[in-house]
Amino acid sequence: GVPLVGQVSRYIISAGGKRLRPVLLLLMCGALGFKGAQR
């Protein structure tokens, strides 16, 4: 509900990071056969 919160958050998240940490979590789930939405 606070516009500046979303503005700053989107600014840094959309800045082109490698997203390695979420990729790593998803790859581990895939390697071990977990396909639930919680990942």
Full PDB file with SEQRES, HELIX, SHEET, SSBOND, CRYST1, ORIGX, SCALE, CONECT and MASTER records, all heavy atoms in Angstrom:
SEQRES   1 A   39  GLY VAL PRO LEU VAL GLY GLN VAL SER ARG TYR ILE ILE          
SEQRES   2 A   39  SER ALA GLY GLY LYS ARG LEU ARG PRO VAL LEU LEU LEU          
SEQRES   3 A   39  LEU MET CYS GLY ALA LEU GLY PHE LYS GLY ALA GLN ARG          
HELIX    1 AA1 PRO A    3  ILE A   13  1                                  11    
HELIX    2 AA2 LEU A   20  ALA A   31  1                                  12    
CRYST1    1.000    1.000    1.000  90.00  90.00  90.00 P 1           1          
ORIGX1      1.000000  0.000000  0.000000        0.00000                         
ORIGX2      0.000000  1.000000  0.000000        0.00000                         
ORIGX3      0.000000  0.000000  1.000000        0.00000                         
SCALE1      1.000000  0.000000  0.000000        0.00000                         
SCALE2      0.000000  1.000000  0.000000        0.00000                         
SCALE3      0.000000  0.000000  1.000000        0.00000                         
ATOM      1  N   GLY A   1       0.811  -1.215   0.000  1.00  0.00           N  
ATOM      2  CA  GLY A   1       0.000   0.000   0.000  1.00  0.00           C  
ATOM      3  C   GLY A   1       0.843   1.263   0.000  1.00  0.00           C  
ATOM      4  O   GLY A   1       0.316   2.363  -0.154  1.00  0.00           O  
ATOM      5  N   VAL A   2       2.143   1.105   0.173  1.00  0.00           N  
ATOM      6  CA  VAL A   2       3.053   2.255   0.192  1.00  0.00           C  
ATOM      7  C   VAL A   2       3.792   2.295  -1.147  1.00  0.00           C  
ATOM      8  O   VAL A   2       4.634   1.431  -1.418  1.00  0.00           O  
ATOM      9  CB  VAL A   2       4.064   2.142   1.355  1.00  0.00           C  
ATOM     10  CG1 VAL A   2       4.972   3.360   1.402  1.00  0.00           C  
ATOM     11  CG2 VAL A   2       3.324   1.958   2.678  1.00  0.00           C  
ATOM     12  N   PRO A   3       3.503   3.245  -2.009  1.00  0.00           N  
ATOM     13  CA  PRO A   3       4.053   3.240  -3.375  1.00  0.00           C  
ATOM     14  C   PRO A   3       5.574   3.154  -3.445  1.00  0.00           C  
ATOM     15  O   PRO A   3       6.110   2.441  -4.293  1.00  0.00           O  
ATOM     16  CB  PRO A   3       3.549   4.568  -3.950  1.00  0.00           C  
ATOM     17  CG  PRO A   3       2.307   4.876  -3.176  1.00  0.00           C  
ATOM     18  CD  PRO A   3       2.561   4.351  -1.795  1.00  0.00           C  
ATOM     19  N   LEU A   4       6.284   3.856  -2.556  1.00  0.00           N  
ATOM     20  CA  LEU A   4       7.748   3.868  -2.624  1.00  0.00           C  
ATOM     21  C   LEU A   4       8.337   2.484  -2.381  1.00  0.00           C  
ATOM     22  O   LEU A   4       9.373   2.130  -2.954  1.00  0.00           O  
ATOM     23  CB  LEU A   4       8.324   4.869  -1.614  1.00  0.00           C  
ATOM     24  CG  LEU A   4       9.841   5.059  -1.647  1.00  0.00           C  
ATOM     25  CD1 LEU A   4      10.305   5.592  -3.001  1.00  0.00           C  
ATOM     26  CD2 LEU A   4      10.290   6.004  -0.523  1.00  0.00           C  
ATOM     27  N   VAL A   5       7.665   1.676  -1.546  1.00  0.00           N  
ATOM     28  CA  VAL A   5       8.142   0.310  -1.281  1.00  0.00           C  
ATOM     29  C   VAL A   5       8.195  -0.486  -2.580  1.00  0.00           C  
ATOM     30  O   VAL A   5       9.219  -1.093  -2.928  1.00  0.00           O  
ATOM     31  CB  VAL A   5       7.234  -0.400  -0.247  1.00  0.00           C  
ATOM     32  CG1 VAL A   5       7.561  -1.891  -0.186  1.00  0.00           C  
ATOM     33  CG2 VAL A   5       7.410   0.222   1.134  1.00  0.00           C  
ATOM     34  N   GLY A   6       7.091  -0.490  -3.303  1.00  0.00           N  
ATOM     35  CA  GLY A   6       7.052  -1.217  -4.570  1.00  0.00           C  
ATOM     36  C   GLY A   6       8.009  -0.637  -5.595  1.00  0.00           C  
ATOM     37  O   GLY A   6       8.646  -1.381  -6.355  1.00  0.00           O  
ATOM     38  N   GLN A   7       8.134   0.678  -5.617  1.00  0.00           N  
ATOM     39  CA  GLN A   7       9.000   1.345  -6.594  1.00  0.00           C  
ATOM     40  C   GLN A   7      10.459   0.944  -6.407  1.00  0.00           C  
ATOM     41  O   GLN A   7      11.144   0.553  -7.363  1.00  0.00           O  
ATOM     42  CB  GLN A   7       8.835   2.865  -6.446  1.00  0.00           C  
ATOM     43  CG  GLN A   7       9.416   3.672  -7.602  1.00  0.00           C  
ATOM     44  CD  GLN A   7       9.205   5.168  -7.397  1.00  0.00           C  
ATOM     45  OE1 GLN A   7       8.549   5.601  -6.443  1.00  0.00           O  
ATOM     46  NE2 GLN A   7       9.775   5.964  -8.283  1.00  0.00           N  
ATOM     47  N   VAL A   8      10.949   1.011  -5.175  1.00  0.00           N  
ATOM     48  CA  VAL A   8      12.354   0.667  -4.902  1.00  0.00           C  
ATOM     49  C   VAL A   8      12.580  -0.832  -5.097  1.00  0.00           C  
ATOM     50  O   VAL A   8      13.584  -1.252  -5.684  1.00  0.00           O  
ATOM     51  CB  VAL A   8      12.764   1.103  -3.472  1.00  0.00           C  
ATOM     52  CG1 VAL A   8      14.196   0.670  -3.174  1.00  0.00           C  
ATOM     53  CG2 VAL A   8      12.616   2.606  -3.312  1.00  0.00           C  
ATOM     54  N   SER A   9      11.647  -1.648  -4.619  1.00  0.00           N  
ATOM     55  CA  SER A   9      11.788  -3.101  -4.744  1.00  0.00           C  
ATOM     56  C   SER A   9      11.873  -3.518  -6.205  1.00  0.00           C  
ATOM     57  O   SER A   9      12.741  -4.304  -6.602  1.00  0.00           O  
ATOM     58  CB  SER A   9      10.609  -3.814  -4.081  1.00  0.00           C  
ATOM     59  OG  SER A   9      10.529  -3.494  -2.716  1.00  0.00           O  
ATOM     60  N   ARG A  10      10.949  -2.989  -7.010  1.00  0.00           N  
ATOM     61  CA  ARG A  10      10.947  -3.351  -8.436  1.00  0.00           C  
ATOM     62  C   ARG A  10      12.197  -2.838  -9.134  1.00  0.00           C  
ATOM     63  O   ARG A  10      12.719  -3.486 -10.041  1.00  0.00           O  
ATOM     64  CB  ARG A  10       9.687  -2.800  -9.114  1.00  0.00           C  
ATOM     65  CG  ARG A  10       8.427  -3.552  -8.730  1.00  0.00           C  
ATOM     66  CD  ARG A  10       7.203  -3.094  -9.508  1.00  0.00           C  
ATOM     67  NE  ARG A  10       6.019  -3.813  -9.044  1.00  0.00           N  
ATOM     68  CZ  ARG A  10       5.275  -3.422  -8.012  1.00  0.00           C  
ATOM     69  NH1 ARG A  10       5.575  -2.332  -7.364  1.00  0.00           N  
ATOM     70  NH2 ARG A  10       4.230  -4.145  -7.631  1.00  0.00           N  
ATOM     71  N   TYR A  11      12.682  -1.698  -8.708  1.00  0.00           N  
ATOM     72  CA  TYR A  11      13.873  -1.121  -9.331  1.00  0.00           C  
ATOM     73  C   TYR A  11      15.064  -2.070  -9.206  1.00  0.00           C  
ATOM     74  O   TYR A  11      15.740  -2.373 -10.177  1.00  0.00           O  
ATOM     75  CB  TYR A  11      14.213   0.221  -8.672  1.00  0.00           C  
ATOM     76  CG  TYR A  11      15.450   0.885  -9.249  1.00  0.00           C  
ATOM     77  CD1 TYR A  11      15.365   1.673 -10.394  1.00  0.00           C  
ATOM     78  CD2 TYR A  11      16.701   0.722  -8.652  1.00  0.00           C  
ATOM     79  CE1 TYR A  11      16.496   2.279 -10.931  1.00  0.00           C  
ATOM     80  CE2 TYR A  11      17.829   1.320  -9.182  1.00  0.00           C  
ATOM     81  CZ  TYR A  11      17.720   2.094 -10.321  1.00  0.00           C  
ATOM     82  OH  TYR A  11      18.839   2.689 -10.851  1.00  0.00           O  
ATOM     83  N   ILE A  12      15.295  -2.576  -8.001  1.00  0.00           N  
ATOM     84  CA  ILE A  12      16.482  -3.421  -7.806  1.00  0.00           C  
ATOM     85  C   ILE A  12      16.246  -4.835  -8.330  1.00  0.00           C  
ATOM     86  O   ILE A  12      17.135  -5.446  -8.921  1.00  0.00           O  
ATOM     87  CB  ILE A  12      16.953  -3.425  -6.334  1.00  0.00           C  
ATOM     88  CG1 ILE A  12      18.291  -4.172  -6.221  1.00  0.00           C  
ATOM     89  CG2 ILE A  12      15.916  -3.975  -5.392  1.00  0.00           C  
ATOM     90  CD1 ILE A  12      19.000  -3.990  -4.908  1.00  0.00           C  
ATOM     91  N   ILE A  13      15.026  -5.367  -8.184  1.00  0.00           N  
ATOM     92  CA  ILE A  13      14.768  -6.744  -8.634  1.00  0.00           C  
ATOM     93  C   ILE A  13      14.782  -6.831 -10.160  1.00  0.00           C  
ATOM     94  O   ILE A  13      15.177  -7.850 -10.724  1.00  0.00           O  
ATOM     95  CB  ILE A  13      13.457  -7.266  -8.026  1.00  0.00           C  
ATOM     96  CG1 ILE A  13      13.722  -7.670  -6.569  1.00  0.00           C  
ATOM     97  CG2 ILE A  13      12.909  -8.466  -8.801  1.00  0.00           C  
ATOM     98  CD1 ILE A  13      12.544  -8.161  -5.802  1.00  0.00           C  
ATOM     99  N   SER A  14      14.396  -5.748 -10.827  1.00  0.00           N  
ATOM    100  CA  SER A  14      14.381  -5.762 -12.298  1.00  0.00           C  
ATOM    101  C   SER A  14      15.713  -5.332 -12.897  1.00  0.00           C  
ATOM    102  O   SER A  14      15.822  -5.164 -14.107  1.00  0.00           O  
ATOM    103  CB  SER A  14      13.271  -4.847 -12.816  1.00  0.00           C  
ATOM    104  OG  SER A  14      13.545  -3.500 -12.462  1.00  0.00           O  
ATOM    105  N   ALA A  15      16.737  -5.181 -12.062  1.00  0.00           N  
ATOM    106  CA  ALA A  15      18.015  -4.637 -12.535  1.00  0.00           C  
ATOM    107  C   ALA A  15      18.913  -5.670 -13.211  1.00  0.00           C  
ATOM    108  O   ALA A  15      20.079  -5.407 -13.481  1.00  0.00           O  
ATOM    109  CB  ALA A  15      18.766  -3.979 -11.376  1.00  0.00           C  
ATOM    110  N   GLY A  16      18.385  -6.871 -13.452  1.00  0.00           N  
ATOM    111  CA  GLY A  16      19.149  -7.824 -14.270  1.00  0.00           C  
ATOM    112  C   GLY A  16      20.054  -8.763 -13.510  1.00  0.00           C  
ATOM    113  O   GLY A  16      21.097  -9.159 -14.017  1.00  0.00           O  
ATOM    114  N   GLY A  17      19.695  -9.127 -12.280  1.00  0.00           N  
ATOM    115  CA  GLY A  17      20.524 -10.066 -11.520  1.00  0.00           C  
ATOM    116  C   GLY A  17      20.483 -11.472 -12.104  1.00  0.00           C  
ATOM    117  O   GLY A  17      19.624 -11.814 -12.913  1.00  0.00           O  
ATOM    118  N   LYS A  18      21.426 -12.290 -11.665  1.00  0.00           N  
ATOM    119  CA  LYS A  18      21.553 -13.651 -12.211  1.00  0.00           C  
ATOM    120  C   LYS A  18      20.506 -14.610 -11.657  1.00  0.00           C  
ATOM    121  O   LYS A  18      20.283 -15.679 -12.208  1.00  0.00           O  
ATOM    122  CB  LYS A  18      22.956 -14.196 -11.903  1.00  0.00           C  
ATOM    123  CG  LYS A  18      24.063 -13.335 -12.516  1.00  0.00           C  
ATOM    124  CD  LYS A  18      25.429 -13.783 -12.037  1.00  0.00           C  
ATOM    125  CE  LYS A  18      26.504 -12.805 -12.475  1.00  0.00           C  
ATOM    126  NZ  LYS A  18      26.391 -11.497 -11.788  1.00  0.00           N  
ATOM    127  N   ARG A  19      19.874 -14.253 -10.527  1.00  0.00           N  
ATOM    128  CA  ARG A  19      18.867 -15.109  -9.888  1.00  0.00           C  
ATOM    129  C   ARG A  19      19.428 -16.503  -9.576  1.00  0.00           C  
ATOM    130  O   ARG A  19      18.716 -17.502  -9.689  1.00  0.00           O  
ATOM    131  CB  ARG A  19      17.618 -15.240 -10.760  1.00  0.00           C  
ATOM    132  CG  ARG A  19      16.926 -13.919 -11.093  1.00  0.00           C  
ATOM    133  CD  ARG A  19      16.110 -13.397  -9.925  1.00  0.00           C  
ATOM    134  NE  ARG A  19      15.549 -12.086 -10.182  1.00  0.00           N  
ATOM    135  CZ  ARG A  19      14.371 -11.873 -10.759  1.00  0.00           C  
ATOM    136  NH1 ARG A  19      13.641 -12.872 -11.163  1.00  0.00           N  
ATOM    137  NH2 ARG A  19      13.934 -10.641 -10.925  1.00  0.00           N  
ATOM    138  N   LEU A  20      20.699 -16.571  -9.217  1.00  0.00           N  
ATOM    139  CA  LEU A  20      21.328 -17.877  -9.002  1.00  0.00           C  
ATOM    140  C   LEU A  20      20.726 -18.638  -7.832  1.00  0.00           C  
ATOM    141  O   LEU A  20      20.606 -19.856  -7.878  1.00  0.00           O  
ATOM    142  CB  LEU A  20      22.834 -17.702  -8.765  1.00  0.00           C  
ATOM    143  CG  LEU A  20      23.741 -17.734  -9.996  1.00  0.00           C  
ATOM    144  CD1 LEU A  20      25.193 -17.520  -9.577  1.00  0.00           C  
ATOM    145  CD2 LEU A  20      23.597 -19.039 -10.756  1.00  0.00           C  
ATOM    146  N   ARG A  21      20.353 -17.929  -6.785  1.00  0.00           N  
ATOM    147  CA  ARG A  21      19.862 -18.616  -5.584  1.00  0.00           C  
ATOM    148  C   ARG A  21      18.504 -19.282  -5.833  1.00  0.00           C  
ATOM    149  O   ARG A  21      18.341 -20.462  -5.502  1.00  0.00           O  
ATOM    150  CB  ARG A  21      19.850 -17.632  -4.411  1.00  0.00           C  
ATOM    151  CG  ARG A  21      21.270 -17.173  -4.047  1.00  0.00           C  
ATOM    152  CD  ARG A  21      21.302 -15.742  -3.505  1.00  0.00           C  
ATOM    153  NE  ARG A  21      22.656 -15.230  -3.416  1.00  0.00           N  
ATOM    154  CZ  ARG A  21      23.300 -14.632  -4.438  1.00  0.00           C  
ATOM    155  NH1 ARG A  21      22.712 -14.504  -5.626  1.00  0.00           N  
ATOM    156  NH2 ARG A  21      24.534 -14.175  -4.287  1.00  0.00           N  
ATOM    157  N   PRO A  22      17.525 -18.560  -6.418  1.00  0.00           N  
ATOM    158  CA  PRO A  22      16.278 -19.267  -6.751  1.00  0.00           C  
ATOM    159  C   PRO A  22      16.481 -20.365  -7.799  1.00  0.00           C  
ATOM    160  O   PRO A  22      15.841 -21.420  -7.721  1.00  0.00           O  
ATOM    161  CB  PRO A  22      15.351 -18.161  -7.279  1.00  0.00           C  
ATOM    162  CG  PRO A  22      16.205 -16.969  -7.499  1.00  0.00           C  
ATOM    163  CD  PRO A  22      17.389 -17.105  -6.624  1.00  0.00           C  
ATOM    164  N   VAL A  23      17.358 -20.132  -8.771  1.00  0.00           N  
ATOM    165  CA  VAL A  23      17.651 -21.176  -9.765  1.00  0.00           C  
ATOM    166  C   VAL A  23      18.191 -22.422  -9.068  1.00  0.00           C  
ATOM    167  O   VAL A  23      17.804 -23.553  -9.380  1.00  0.00           O  
ATOM    168  CB  VAL A  23      18.660 -20.662 -10.816  1.00  0.00           C  
ATOM    169  CG1 VAL A  23      19.270 -21.812 -11.608  1.00  0.00           C  
ATOM    170  CG2 VAL A  23      17.982 -19.686 -11.769  1.00  0.00           C  
ATOM    171  N   LEU A  24      19.083 -22.209  -8.095  1.00  0.00           N  
ATOM    172  CA  LEU A  24      19.677 -23.330  -7.362  1.00  0.00           C  
ATOM    173  C   LEU A  24      18.607 -24.117  -6.613  1.00  0.00           C  
ATOM    174  O   LEU A  24      18.584 -25.361  -6.646  1.00  0.00           O  
ATOM    175  CB  LEU A  24      20.740 -22.782  -6.395  1.00  0.00           C  
ATOM    176  CG  LEU A  24      21.489 -23.767  -5.515  1.00  0.00           C  
ATOM    177  CD1 LEU A  24      22.088 -24.899  -6.327  1.00  0.00           C  
ATOM    178  CD2 LEU A  24      22.576 -23.036  -4.727  1.00  0.00           C  
ATOM    179  N   LEU A  25      17.686 -23.423  -5.971  1.00  0.00           N  
ATOM    180  CA  LEU A  25      16.604 -24.097  -5.252  1.00  0.00           C  
ATOM    181  C   LEU A  25      15.747 -24.921  -6.217  1.00  0.00           C  
ATOM    182  O   LEU A  25      15.421 -26.086  -5.949  1.00  0.00           O  
ATOM    183  CB  LEU A  25      15.757 -23.057  -4.511  1.00  0.00           C  
ATOM    184  CG  LEU A  25      14.721 -23.581  -3.513  1.00  0.00           C  
ATOM    185  CD1 LEU A  25      14.478 -22.541  -2.411  1.00  0.00           C  
ATOM    186  CD2 LEU A  25      13.382 -23.931  -4.164  1.00  0.00           C  
ATOM    187  N   LEU A  26      15.410 -24.339  -7.356  1.00  0.00           N  
ATOM    188  CA  LEU A  26      14.573 -25.047  -8.340  1.00  0.00           C  
ATOM    189  C   LEU A  26      15.305 -26.249  -8.921  1.00  0.00           C  
ATOM    190  O   LEU A  26      14.705 -27.312  -9.139  1.00  0.00           O  
ATOM    191  CB  LEU A  26      14.161 -24.095  -9.470  1.00  0.00           C  
ATOM    192  CG  LEU A  26      13.240 -22.933  -9.088  1.00  0.00           C  
ATOM    193  CD1 LEU A  26      12.982 -22.052 -10.305  1.00  0.00           C  
ATOM    194  CD2 LEU A  26      11.918 -23.433  -8.512  1.00  0.00           C  
ATOM    195  N   LEU A  27      16.609 -26.102  -9.199  1.00  0.00           N  
ATOM    196  CA  LEU A  27      17.371 -27.224  -9.749  1.00  0.00           C  
ATOM    197  C   LEU A  27      17.462 -28.374  -8.748  1.00  0.00           C  
ATOM    198  O   LEU A  27      17.377 -29.545  -9.132  1.00  0.00           O  
ATOM    199  CB  LEU A  27      18.775 -26.771 -10.158  1.00  0.00           C  
ATOM    200  CG  LEU A  27      18.883 -25.982 -11.466  1.00  0.00           C  
ATOM    201  CD1 LEU A  27      20.302 -25.453 -11.650  1.00  0.00           C  
ATOM    202  CD2 LEU A  27      18.486 -26.847 -12.655  1.00  0.00           C  
ATOM    203  N   MET A  28      17.652 -28.049  -7.465  1.00  0.00           N  
ATOM    204  CA  MET A  28      17.695 -29.100  -6.444  1.00  0.00           C  
ATOM    205  C   MET A  28      16.355 -29.831  -6.367  1.00  0.00           C  
ATOM    206  O   MET A  28      16.304 -31.060  -6.264  1.00  0.00           O  
ATOM    207  CB  MET A  28      18.047 -28.509  -5.079  1.00  0.00           C  
ATOM    208  CG  MET A  28      19.511 -28.180  -4.905  1.00  0.00           C  
ATOM    209  SD  MET A  28      20.560 -29.649  -5.106  1.00  0.00           S  
ATOM    210  CE  MET A  28      22.180 -28.910  -4.889  1.00  0.00           C  
ATOM    211  N   CYS A  29      15.250 -29.068  -6.424  1.00  0.00           N  
ATOM    212  CA  CYS A  29      13.926 -29.704  -6.430  1.00  0.00           C  
ATOM    213  C   CYS A  29      13.797 -30.634  -7.633  1.00  0.00           C  
ATOM    214  O   CYS A  29      13.300 -31.759  -7.519  1.00  0.00           O  
ATOM    215  CB  CYS A  29      12.830 -28.637  -6.474  1.00  0.00           C  
ATOM    216  SG  CYS A  29      12.592 -27.745  -4.926  1.00  0.00           S  
ATOM    217  N   GLY A  30      14.252 -30.173  -8.801  1.00  0.00           N  
ATOM    218  CA  GLY A  30      14.178 -30.992  -9.996  1.00  0.00           C  
ATOM    219  C   GLY A  30      15.026 -32.232  -9.903  1.00  0.00           C  
ATOM    220  O   GLY A  30      14.591 -33.336 -10.283  1.00  0.00           O  
ATOM    221  N   ALA A  31      16.249 -32.080  -9.365  1.00  0.00           N  
ATOM    222  CA  ALA A  31      17.160 -33.220  -9.235  1.00  0.00           C  
ATOM    223  C   ALA A  31      16.573 -34.295  -8.334  1.00  0.00           C  
ATOM    224  O   ALA A  31      16.806 -35.493  -8.535  1.00  0.00           O  
ATOM    225  CB  ALA A  31      18.510 -32.752  -8.701  1.00  0.00           C  
ATOM    226  N   LEU A  32      15.785 -33.860  -7.336  1.00  0.00           N  
ATOM    227  CA  LEU A  32      15.244 -34.801  -6.351  1.00  0.00           C  
ATOM    228  C   LEU A  32      13.764 -35.109  -6.584  1.00  0.00           C  
ATOM    229  O   LEU A  32      13.122 -35.764  -5.762  1.00  0.00           O  
ATOM    230  CB  LEU A  32      15.460 -34.240  -4.938  1.00  0.00           C  
ATOM    231  CG  LEU A  32      16.936 -34.010  -4.569  1.00  0.00           C  
ATOM    232  CD1 LEU A  32      17.048 -33.316  -3.213  1.00  0.00           C  
ATOM    233  CD2 LEU A  32      17.717 -35.315  -4.559  1.00  0.00           C  
ATOM    234  N   GLY A  33      13.219 -34.600  -7.706  1.00  0.00           N  
ATOM    235  CA  GLY A  33      11.873 -35.006  -8.121  1.00  0.00           C  
ATOM    236  C   GLY A  33      10.716 -34.295  -7.457  1.00  0.00           C  
ATOM    237  O   GLY A  33       9.581 -34.781  -7.498  1.00  0.00           O  
ATOM    238  N   PHE A  34      10.962 -33.114  -6.840  1.00  0.00           N  
ATOM    239  CA  PHE A  34       9.853 -32.380  -6.214  1.00  0.00           C  
ATOM    240  C   PHE A  34       9.272 -31.383  -7.214  1.00  0.00           C  
ATOM    241  O   PHE A  34       9.986 -30.539  -7.754  1.00  0.00           O  
ATOM    242  CB  PHE A  34      10.324 -31.635  -4.959  1.00  0.00           C  
ATOM    243  CG  PHE A  34       9.227 -30.846  -4.297  1.00  0.00           C  
ATOM    244  CD1 PHE A  34       8.284 -31.480  -3.503  1.00  0.00           C  
ATOM    245  CD2 PHE A  34       9.119 -29.471  -4.479  1.00  0.00           C  
ATOM    246  CE1 PHE A  34       7.258 -30.760  -2.898  1.00  0.00           C  
ATOM    247  CE2 PHE A  34       8.102 -28.742  -3.875  1.00  0.00           C  
ATOM    248  CZ  PHE A  34       7.169 -29.396  -3.077  1.00  0.00           C  
ATOM    249  N   LYS A  35       7.952 -31.456  -7.435  1.00  0.00           N  
ATOM    250  CA  LYS A  35       7.316 -30.597  -8.441  1.00  0.00           C  
ATOM    251  C   LYS A  35       6.192 -29.732  -7.857  1.00  0.00           C  
ATOM    252  O   LYS A  35       5.423 -29.123  -8.594  1.00  0.00           O  
ATOM    253  CB  LYS A  35       6.762 -31.458  -9.582  1.00  0.00           C  
ATOM    254  CG  LYS A  35       7.856 -32.196 -10.348  1.00  0.00           C  
ATOM    255  CD  LYS A  35       7.287 -33.033 -11.481  1.00  0.00           C  
ATOM    256  CE  LYS A  35       8.408 -33.747 -12.233  1.00  0.00           C  
ATOM    257  NZ  LYS A  35       7.894 -34.607 -13.318  1.00  0.00           N  
ATOM    258  N   GLY A  36       6.111 -29.658  -6.540  1.00  0.00           N  
ATOM    259  CA  GLY A  36       5.049 -28.870  -5.905  1.00  0.00           C  
ATOM    260  C   GLY A  36       5.230 -27.372  -6.104  1.00  0.00           C  
ATOM    261  O   GLY A  36       6.341 -26.880  -6.296  1.00  0.00           O  
ATOM    262  N   ALA A  37       4.126 -26.623  -6.040  1.00  0.00           N  
ATOM    263  CA  ALA A  37       4.141 -25.175  -6.282  1.00  0.00           C  
ATOM    264  C   ALA A  37       4.905 -24.411  -5.203  1.00  0.00           C  
ATOM    265  O   ALA A  37       5.332 -23.275  -5.433  1.00  0.00           O  
ATOM    266  CB  ALA A  37       2.708 -24.654  -6.370  1.00  0.00           C  
ATOM    267  N   GLN A  38       5.094 -25.027  -4.026  1.00  0.00           N  
ATOM    268  CA  GLN A  38       5.785 -24.324  -2.947  1.00  0.00           C  
ATOM    269  C   GLN A  38       7.223 -23.968  -3.331  1.00  0.00           C  
ATOM    270  O   GLN A  38       7.814 -23.038  -2.771  1.00  0.00           O  
ATOM    271  CB  GLN A  38       5.759 -25.192  -1.683  1.00  0.00           C  
ATOM    272  CG  GLN A  38       6.154 -24.466  -0.409  1.00  0.00           C  
ATOM    273  CD  GLN A  38       5.298 -23.243  -0.110  1.00  0.00           C  
ATOM    274  OE1 GLN A  38       5.805 -22.138   0.044  1.00  0.00           O  
ATOM    275  NE2 GLN A  38       3.982 -23.438  -0.027  1.00  0.00           N  
ATOM    276  N   ARG A  39       7.771 -24.688  -4.317  1.00  0.00           N  
ATOM    277  CA  ARG A  39       9.150 -24.364  -4.721  1.00  0.00           C  
ATOM    278  C   ARG A  39       9.231 -22.960  -5.317  1.00  0.00           C  
ATOM    279  O   ARG A  39      10.247 -22.282  -5.160  1.00  0.00           O  
ATOM    280  CB  ARG A  39       9.700 -25.415  -5.693  1.00  0.00           C  
ATOM    281  CG  ARG A  39       9.114 -25.434  -7.098  1.00  0.00           C  
ATOM    282  CD  ARG A  39       9.560 -26.731  -7.803  1.00  0.00           C  
ATOM    283  NE  ARG A  39       9.340 -26.751  -9.241  1.00  0.00           N  
ATOM    284  CZ  ARG A  39       8.194 -27.042  -9.847  1.00  0.00           C  
ATOM    285  NH1 ARG A  39       7.118 -27.322  -9.096  1.00  0.00           N  
ATOM    286  NH2 ARG A  39       8.100 -27.059 -11.161  1.00  0.00           N  
TER     287      ARG A  39                                                      
MASTER        0    0    0    2    0    0    0    6  286    1    0    3          
END                                                                             
